[in-house]
């Protein structure tokens, strides 16, 4: 797991634009909200730098493609990775074996009746027992676990999130994810991640996670170990 500060300044975005593809630059220009294009470019560039560090290659030689289900992947599939950003930070999860998914939320997703439909019956019942002030962060915790699990299996929201129960004791456990098109059920290993104030994050993998190593990544210095668990 790599953590890095996401710098969407004009200078950083300009440097990022030189590293990403023509398609990614066009995608950034198509984003509506002010600043979203810069954030997108910087996140894609950082992802290339992290993967370049992991693989021992120049970030410019890190090439992306899409899986048949639309998941971002390496052309050579040497490792599986997942990216999420929020609260001014970016997470890049990299797995040498199996598939991985990660998500982080900083409150942009607000709990309400419409998103209540994304929860299972048991999740809704537990959420409604909480005080109004506690519901938002608890909901975000559920949401990040669901996003991470669905990204790990590679189908995203083709799997209805209200069919994925992510109530986990101590923030860690195995989640059953029903796959679309009668493909069966995948067991995904999910755990919450320590984060910065006001955010929640989770990581998921399709194989048991025996060691979770975390690095702080700096484009100028590379990766510095934070901790392992």
C-alpha atoms as a PDB file:
ATOM      1  CA  UNK A   1       0.000   0.000   0.000  1.00  0.00           C
ATOM      2  CA  UNK A   2       1.403   3.369  -1.030  1.00  0.00           C
ATOM      3  CA  UNK A   3       0.232   6.666   0.422  1.00  0.00           C
ATOM      4  CA  UNK A   4       1.103  10.009  -1.097  1.00  0.00           C
ATOM      5  CA  UNK A   5      -0.009  13.613  -0.872  1.00  0.00           C
ATOM      6  CA  UNK A   6      -1.974  14.579  -3.958  1.00  0.00           C
ATOM      7  CA  UNK A   7      -0.724  17.930  -5.243  1.00  0.00           C
ATOM      8  CA  UNK A   8      -3.095  19.351  -7.891  1.00  0.00           C
ATOM      9  CA  UNK A   9      -1.210  22.637  -8.326  1.00  0.00           C
ATOM     10  CA  UNK A  10      -0.766  24.062 -11.817  1.00  0.00           C
ATOM     11  CA  UNK A  11       2.912  23.138 -11.771  1.00  0.00           C
ATOM     12  CA  UNK A  12       2.274  19.546 -10.669  1.00  0.00           C
ATOM     13  CA  UNK A  13      -0.531  19.163 -13.200  1.00  0.00           C
ATOM     14  CA  UNK A  14       1.734  20.478 -15.952  1.00  0.00           C
ATOM     15  CA  UNK A  15       4.409  17.918 -15.082  1.00  0.00           C
ATOM     16  CA  UNK A  16       1.773  15.189 -14.885  1.00  0.00           C
ATOM     17  CA  UNK A  17       0.378  16.103 -18.310  1.00  0.00           C
ATOM     18  CA  UNK A  18       3.777  15.325 -19.833  1.00  0.00           C
ATOM     19  CA  UNK A  19       3.763  11.854 -18.307  1.00  0.00           C
ATOM     20  CA  UNK A  20       0.235  10.649 -19.111  1.00  0.00           C
ATOM     21  CA  UNK A  21      -1.240   9.562 -22.439  1.00  0.00           C
ATOM     22  CA  UNK A  22      -3.164  11.645 -24.971  1.00  0.00           C
ATOM     23  CA  UNK A  23      -6.325   9.772 -23.993  1.00  0.00           C
ATOM     24  CA  UNK A  24      -5.839  10.633 -20.316  1.00  0.00           C
ATOM     25  CA  UNK A  25      -5.285  14.306 -21.123  1.00  0.00           C
ATOM     26  CA  UNK A  26      -8.543  14.295 -23.098  1.00  0.00           C
ATOM     27  CA  UNK A  27     -10.336  12.616 -20.194  1.00  0.00           C
ATOM     28  CA  UNK A  28      -9.046  15.303 -17.828  1.00  0.00           C
ATOM     29  CA  UNK A  29     -10.266  18.085 -20.118  1.00  0.00           C
ATOM     30  CA  UNK A  30     -13.734  16.501 -20.260  1.00  0.00           C
ATOM     31  CA  UNK A  31     -14.260  16.656 -16.486  1.00  0.00           C
ATOM     32  CA  UNK A  32     -16.788  19.303 -15.441  1.00  0.00           C
ATOM     33  CA  UNK A  33     -15.919  20.486 -11.945  1.00  0.00           C
ATOM     34  CA  UNK A  34     -13.104  23.056 -11.647  1.00  0.00           C
ATOM     35  CA  UNK A  35      -9.887  21.402 -10.556  1.00  0.00           C
ATOM     36  CA  UNK A  36     -11.021  17.828 -11.249  1.00  0.00           C
ATOM     37  CA  UNK A  37      -8.904  17.635 -14.390  1.00  0.00           C
ATOM     38  CA  UNK A  38      -5.735  18.589 -12.508  1.00  0.00           C
ATOM     39  CA  UNK A  39      -6.472  16.057  -9.766  1.00  0.00           C
ATOM     40  CA  UNK A  40      -7.072  13.327 -12.353  1.00  0.00           C
ATOM     41  CA  UNK A  41      -3.815  14.061 -14.188  1.00  0.00           C
ATOM     42  CA  UNK A  42      -1.789  14.151 -10.968  1.00  0.00           C
ATOM     43  CA  UNK A  43      -3.351  10.896  -9.739  1.00  0.00           C
ATOM     44  CA  UNK A  44      -2.594   9.087 -13.004  1.00  0.00           C
ATOM     45  CA  UNK A  45       0.969  10.385 -13.031  1.00  0.00           C
ATOM     46  CA  UNK A  46       1.494   9.338  -9.408  1.00  0.00           C
ATOM     47  CA  UNK A  47       0.130   5.885 -10.176  1.00  0.00           C
ATOM     48  CA  UNK A  48       2.689   5.537 -12.965  1.00  0.00           C
ATOM     49  CA  UNK A  49       5.479   6.668 -10.657  1.00  0.00           C
ATOM     50  CA  UNK A  50       4.478   4.208  -7.931  1.00  0.00           C
ATOM     51  CA  UNK A  51       4.193   1.290 -10.344  1.00  0.00           C
ATOM     52  CA  UNK A  52       7.462   2.292 -11.982  1.00  0.00           C
ATOM     53  CA  UNK A  53       9.133   2.176  -8.559  1.00  0.00           C
ATOM     54  CA  UNK A  54       7.612  -1.247  -7.815  1.00  0.00           C
ATOM     55  CA  UNK A  55       8.577  -2.706 -11.193  1.00  0.00           C
ATOM     56  CA  UNK A  56      11.951  -1.003 -11.546  1.00  0.00           C
ATOM     57  CA  UNK A  57      11.077   0.799 -14.755  1.00  0.00           C
ATOM     58  CA  UNK A  58      10.630   4.366 -15.914  1.00  0.00           C
ATOM     59  CA  UNK A  59       7.136   5.746 -15.166  1.00  0.00           C
ATOM     60  CA  UNK A  60       6.925   6.713 -18.832  1.00  0.00           C
ATOM     61  CA  UNK A  61       7.133   3.018 -19.726  1.00  0.00           C
ATOM     62  CA  UNK A  62       4.164   2.070 -17.511  1.00  0.00           C
ATOM     63  CA  UNK A  63       1.337   1.376 -19.951  1.00  0.00           C
ATOM     64  CA  UNK A  64      -2.310   0.996 -18.984  1.00  0.00           C
ATOM     65  CA  UNK A  65      -5.188  -0.833 -20.594  1.00  0.00           C
ATOM     66  CA  UNK A  66      -8.732  -1.811 -19.613  1.00  0.00           C
ATOM     67  CA  UNK A  67      -9.958  -5.255 -18.637  1.00  0.00           C
ATOM     68  CA  UNK A  68     -13.073  -6.671 -20.287  1.00  0.00           C
ATOM     69  CA  UNK A  69     -15.037  -5.255 -17.344  1.00  0.00           C
ATOM     70  CA  UNK A  70     -13.429  -1.807 -17.621  1.00  0.00           C
ATOM     71  CA  UNK A  71     -10.887  -2.107 -14.813  1.00  0.00           C
ATOM     72  CA  UNK A  72      -7.646  -0.163 -15.236  1.00  0.00           C
ATOM     73  CA  UNK A  73      -4.742  -2.597 -15.552  1.00  0.00           C
ATOM     74  CA  UNK A  74      -1.156  -2.880 -16.688  1.00  0.00           C
ATOM     75  CA  UNK A  75      -0.716  -3.959 -20.292  1.00  0.00           C
ATOM     76  CA  UNK A  76       1.676  -6.723 -19.201  1.00  0.00           C
ATOM     77  CA  UNK A  77      -0.457  -7.629 -16.127  1.00  0.00           C
ATOM     78  CA  UNK A  78       2.745  -8.036 -14.089  1.00  0.00           C
ATOM     79  CA  UNK A  79       0.991  -6.909 -10.912  1.00  0.00           C
ATOM     80  CA  UNK A  80      -2.570  -5.992  -9.996  1.00  0.00           C
ATOM     81  CA  UNK A  81      -3.204  -2.505  -8.628  1.00  0.00           C
ATOM     82  CA  UNK A  82      -6.018  -0.269  -7.482  1.00  0.00           C
ATOM     83  CA  UNK A  83      -6.131   3.496  -6.951  1.00  0.00           C
ATOM     84  CA  UNK A  84      -8.254   5.812  -4.821  1.00  0.00           C
ATOM     85  CA  UNK A  85      -7.913   9.415  -3.733  1.00  0.00           C
ATOM     86  CA  UNK A  86      -9.680  11.799  -1.389  1.00  0.00           C
ATOM     87  CA  UNK A  87      -8.961  14.356   1.289  1.00  0.00           C
ATOM     88  CA  UNK A  88      -5.832  15.503  -0.536  1.00  0.00           C
ATOM     89  CA  UNK A  89      -4.270  12.034  -0.340  1.00  0.00           C
ATOM     90  CA  UNK A  90      -3.891   9.172  -2.809  1.00  0.00           C
ATOM     91  CA  UNK A  91      -3.694   5.448  -2.120  1.00  0.00           C
ATOM     92  CA  UNK A  92      -2.220   2.935  -4.554  1.00  0.00           C
ATOM     93  CA  UNK A  93      -2.625  -0.724  -3.584  1.00  0.00           C
ATOM     94  CA  UNK A  94      -0.390  -3.225  -5.367  1.00  0.00           C
ATOM     95  CA  UNK A  95      -0.736  -7.016  -5.175  1.00  0.00           C
ATOM     96  CA  UNK A  96       1.833  -9.494  -6.439  1.00  0.00           C
ATOM     97  CA  UNK A  97      -0.673 -12.341  -6.148  1.00  0.00           C
ATOM     98  CA  UNK A  98      -4.420 -12.178  -6.688  1.00  0.00           C
ATOM     99  CA  UNK A  99      -6.462  -9.045  -7.282  1.00  0.00           C
ATOM    100  CA  UNK A 100      -6.747  -5.995  -5.058  1.00  0.00           C
ATOM    101  CA  UNK A 101      -9.122  -3.080  -4.570  1.00  0.00           C
ATOM    102  CA  UNK A 102      -8.868   0.069  -2.457  1.00  0.00           C
ATOM    103  CA  UNK A 103     -11.142   2.995  -1.656  1.00  0.00           C
ATOM    104  CA  UNK A 104     -10.961   6.175   0.419  1.00  0.00           C
ATOM    105  CA  UNK A 105     -13.727   8.655   1.205  1.00  0.00           C
ATOM    106  CA  UNK A 106     -13.583  12.094   2.785  1.00  0.00           C
ATOM    107  CA  UNK A 107     -17.266  12.995   2.936  1.00  0.00           C
ATOM    108  CA  UNK A 108     -18.001  13.775  -0.726  1.00  0.00           C
ATOM    109  CA  UNK A 109     -20.464  10.875  -0.544  1.00  0.00           C
ATOM    110  CA  UNK A 110     -23.159  11.945   1.917  1.00  0.00           C
ATOM    111  CA  UNK A 111     -25.470   9.472   3.584  1.00  0.00           C
ATOM    112  CA  UNK A 112     -29.125   9.887   2.613  1.00  0.00           C
ATOM    113  CA  UNK A 113     -32.210   7.927   1.647  1.00  0.00           C
ATOM    114  CA  UNK A 114     -31.008   7.351  -1.924  1.00  0.00           C
ATOM    115  CA  UNK A 115     -27.737   5.762  -0.758  1.00  0.00           C
ATOM    116  CA  UNK A 116     -29.617   3.812   1.889  1.00  0.00           C
ATOM    117  CA  UNK A 117     -30.563   1.536  -1.011  1.00  0.00           C
ATOM    118  CA  UNK A 118     -26.892   0.544  -1.355  1.00  0.00           C
ATOM    119  CA  UNK A 119     -26.971  -1.161   2.052  1.00  0.00           C
ATOM    120  CA  UNK A 120     -28.121  -4.599   3.071  1.00  0.00           C
ATOM    121  CA  UNK A 121     -31.046  -4.997   5.452  1.00  0.00           C
ATOM    122  CA  UNK A 122     -28.738  -5.626   8.421  1.00  0.00           C
ATOM    123  CA  UNK A 123     -26.519  -2.661   7.560  1.00  0.00           C
ATOM    124  CA  UNK A 124     -29.549  -0.348   7.375  1.00  0.00           C
ATOM    125  CA  UNK A 125     -30.901  -1.583  10.691  1.00  0.00           C
ATOM    126  CA  UNK A 126     -27.588  -1.024  12.463  1.00  0.00           C
ATOM    127  CA  UNK A 127     -27.097   2.382  10.869  1.00  0.00           C
ATOM    128  CA  UNK A 128     -30.515   3.607  11.999  1.00  0.00           C
ATOM    129  CA  UNK A 129     -29.688   2.756  15.613  1.00  0.00           C
ATOM    130  CA  UNK A 130     -26.897   5.337  15.581  1.00  0.00           C
ATOM    131  CA  UNK A 131     -27.226   8.993  16.376  1.00  0.00           C
ATOM    132  CA  UNK A 132     -27.533  11.289  13.329  1.00  0.00           C
ATOM    133  CA  UNK A 133     -24.045  12.658  13.997  1.00  0.00           C
ATOM    134  CA  UNK A 134     -22.497   9.164  13.921  1.00  0.00           C
ATOM    135  CA  UNK A 135     -24.272   7.896  10.824  1.00  0.00           C
ATOM    136  CA  UNK A 136     -22.168   9.670   8.200  1.00  0.00           C
ATOM    137  CA  UNK A 137     -18.776   8.216   9.192  1.00  0.00           C
ATOM    138  CA  UNK A 138     -20.264   4.779   9.818  1.00  0.00           C
ATOM    139  CA  UNK A 139     -21.881   4.875   6.385  1.00  0.00           C
ATOM    140  CA  UNK A 140     -18.609   5.945   4.763  1.00  0.00           C
ATOM    141  CA  UNK A 141     -16.897   2.987   6.425  1.00  0.00           C
ATOM    142  CA  UNK A 142     -19.426   0.607   4.878  1.00  0.00           C
ATOM    143  CA  UNK A 143     -19.194   2.371   1.531  1.00  0.00           C
ATOM    144  CA  UNK A 144     -15.392   2.138   1.329  1.00  0.00           C
ATOM    145  CA  UNK A 145     -15.466  -1.563   2.179  1.00  0.00           C
ATOM    146  CA  UNK A 146     -18.035  -2.194  -0.562  1.00  0.00           C
ATOM    147  CA  UNK A 147     -16.094  -0.150  -3.130  1.00  0.00           C
ATOM    148  CA  UNK A 148     -12.842  -1.919  -2.261  1.00  0.00           C
ATOM    149  CA  UNK A 149     -14.450  -5.365  -2.459  1.00  0.00           C
ATOM    150  CA  UNK A 150     -16.184  -4.667  -5.779  1.00  0.00           C
ATOM    151  CA  UNK A 151     -12.990  -3.259  -7.255  1.00  0.00           C
ATOM    152  CA  UNK A 152     -11.062  -6.333  -6.123  1.00  0.00           C
ATOM    153  CA  UNK A 153     -13.391  -8.709  -7.976  1.00  0.00           C
ATOM    154  CA  UNK A 154     -13.129  -6.466 -11.038  1.00  0.00           C
ATOM    155  CA  UNK A 155     -16.827  -5.946 -11.726  1.00  0.00           C
ATOM    156  CA  UNK A 156     -17.423  -2.670  -9.911  1.00  0.00           C
ATOM    157  CA  UNK A 157     -21.072  -1.740  -9.569  1.00  0.00           C
ATOM    158  CA  UNK A 158     -22.201  -4.446 -11.952  1.00  0.00           C
ATOM    159  CA  UNK A 159     -22.556  -6.173  -8.569  1.00  0.00           C
ATOM    160  CA  UNK A 160     -25.437  -4.525  -6.653  1.00  0.00           C
ATOM    161  CA  UNK A 161     -23.877  -3.103  -3.467  1.00  0.00           C
ATOM    162  CA  UNK A 162     -26.988  -3.935  -1.444  1.00  0.00           C
ATOM    163  CA  UNK A 163     -26.137  -7.613  -1.964  1.00  0.00           C
ATOM    164  CA  UNK A 164     -22.698  -7.286  -0.351  1.00  0.00           C
ATOM    165  CA  UNK A 165     -22.718  -7.360   3.458  1.00  0.00           C
ATOM    166  CA  UNK A 166     -19.612  -5.651   4.855  1.00  0.00           C
ATOM    167  CA  UNK A 167     -20.423  -5.634   8.574  1.00  0.00           C
ATOM    168  CA  UNK A 168     -17.053  -6.810   9.909  1.00  0.00           C
ATOM    169  CA  UNK A 169     -15.914  -7.357  13.466  1.00  0.00           C
ATOM    170  CA  UNK A 170     -12.883  -5.177  14.271  1.00  0.00           C
ATOM    171  CA  UNK A 171     -12.863  -3.872  10.686  1.00  0.00           C
ATOM    172  CA  UNK A 172     -11.477  -7.031   9.108  1.00  0.00           C
ATOM    173  CA  UNK A 173     -12.920 -10.212   7.642  1.00  0.00           C
ATOM    174  CA  UNK A 174     -14.109 -12.154   4.628  1.00  0.00           C
ATOM    175  CA  UNK A 175     -16.915 -10.738   2.492  1.00  0.00           C
ATOM    176  CA  UNK A 176     -19.045 -12.791   0.086  1.00  0.00           C
ATOM    177  CA  UNK A 177     -19.494 -11.018  -3.255  1.00  0.00           C
ATOM    178  CA  UNK A 178     -22.130 -12.469  -5.636  1.00  0.00           C
ATOM    179  CA  UNK A 179     -20.748 -12.226  -9.166  1.00  0.00           C
ATOM    180  CA  UNK A 180     -22.938 -11.265 -12.127  1.00  0.00           C
ATOM    181  CA  UNK A 181     -24.001 -13.542 -14.988  1.00  0.00           C
ATOM    182  CA  UNK A 182     -24.190 -16.589 -12.739  1.00  0.00           C
ATOM    183  CA  UNK A 183     -20.436 -16.617 -12.151  1.00  0.00           C
ATOM    184  CA  UNK A 184     -20.837 -17.719  -8.535  1.00  0.00           C
ATOM    185  CA  UNK A 185     -19.690 -16.067  -5.312  1.00  0.00           C
ATOM    186  CA  UNK A 186     -16.226 -14.682  -4.606  1.00  0.00           C
ATOM    187  CA  UNK A 187     -14.738 -14.571  -1.118  1.00  0.00           C
ATOM    188  CA  UNK A 188     -12.910 -11.281  -0.661  1.00  0.00           C
ATOM    189  CA  UNK A 189     -10.660 -10.407   2.264  1.00  0.00           C
ATOM    190  CA  UNK A 190     -11.427  -6.866   3.458  1.00  0.00           C
ATOM    191  CA  UNK A 191      -9.836  -4.700   6.115  1.00  0.00           C
ATOM    192  CA  UNK A 192     -10.074  -1.082   7.175  1.00  0.00           C
ATOM    193  CA  UNK A 193      -7.013   1.095   6.781  1.00  0.00           C
ATOM    194  CA  UNK A 194      -5.650   3.709   9.176  1.00  0.00           C
ATOM    195  CA  UNK A 195      -6.192   7.135   7.653  1.00  0.00           C
ATOM    196  CA  UNK A 196      -5.929  10.841   8.320  1.00  0.00           C
ATOM    197  CA  UNK A 197      -8.665  12.800  10.177  1.00  0.00           C
ATOM    198  CA  UNK A 198     -12.008  13.081   8.415  1.00  0.00           C
ATOM    199  CA  UNK A 199     -11.436  10.189   6.033  1.00  0.00           C
ATOM    200  CA  UNK A 200     -12.008   6.439   5.970  1.00  0.00           C
ATOM    201  CA  UNK A 201     -10.375   3.816   3.766  1.00  0.00           C
ATOM    202  CA  UNK A 202     -10.438   0.091   3.129  1.00  0.00           C
ATOM    203  CA  UNK A 203      -8.512  -2.451   1.079  1.00  0.00           C
ATOM    204  CA  UNK A 204      -9.716  -5.787  -0.297  1.00  0.00           C
ATOM    205  CA  UNK A 205      -7.998  -8.750  -1.918  1.00  0.00           C
ATOM    206  CA  UNK A 206      -9.116 -11.970  -3.559  1.00  0.00           C
ATOM    207  CA  UNK A 207      -6.473 -13.917  -1.605  1.00  0.00           C
ATOM    208  CA  UNK A 208      -5.706 -13.862   2.132  1.00  0.00           C
ATOM    209  CA  UNK A 209      -3.558 -10.879   3.113  1.00  0.00           C
ATOM    210  CA  UNK A 210      -0.775 -12.269   5.281  1.00  0.00           C
ATOM    211  CA  UNK A 211       1.298  -9.069   5.230  1.00  0.00           C
ATOM    212  CA  UNK A 212       0.148  -5.544   4.504  1.00  0.00           C
ATOM    213  CA  UNK A 213       3.111  -3.223   4.013  1.00  0.00           C
ATOM    214  CA  UNK A 214       2.595   0.513   3.795  1.00  0.00           C
ATOM    215  CA  UNK A 215       4.920   3.059   2.228  1.00  0.00           C
ATOM    216  CA  UNK A 216       4.795   6.831   2.003  1.00  0.00           C
ATOM    217  CA  UNK A 217       5.605   7.734  -1.584  1.00  0.00           C
ATOM    218  CA  UNK A 218       7.359  10.912  -2.621  1.00  0.00           C
ATOM    219  CA  UNK A 219       8.009  11.443  -6.352  1.00  0.00           C
ATOM    220  CA  UNK A 220      11.413  12.954  -5.620  1.00  0.00           C
ATOM    221  CA  UNK A 221      12.561  10.352  -3.065  1.00  0.00           C
ATOM    222  CA  UNK A 222      10.626   7.203  -3.894  1.00  0.00           C
ATOM    223  CA  UNK A 223       8.956   5.054  -1.226  1.00  0.00           C
ATOM    224  CA  UNK A 224       9.716   5.096   2.500  1.00  0.00           C
ATOM    225  CA  UNK A 225       8.310   2.272   4.682  1.00  0.00           C
ATOM    226  CA  UNK A 226       5.615   3.412   7.083  1.00  0.00           C
ATOM    227  CA  UNK A 227       4.713   0.154   8.775  1.00  0.00           C
ATOM    228  CA  UNK A 228       3.662  -3.436   8.113  1.00  0.00           C
ATOM    229  CA  UNK A 229       0.992  -5.551   9.743  1.00  0.00           C
END
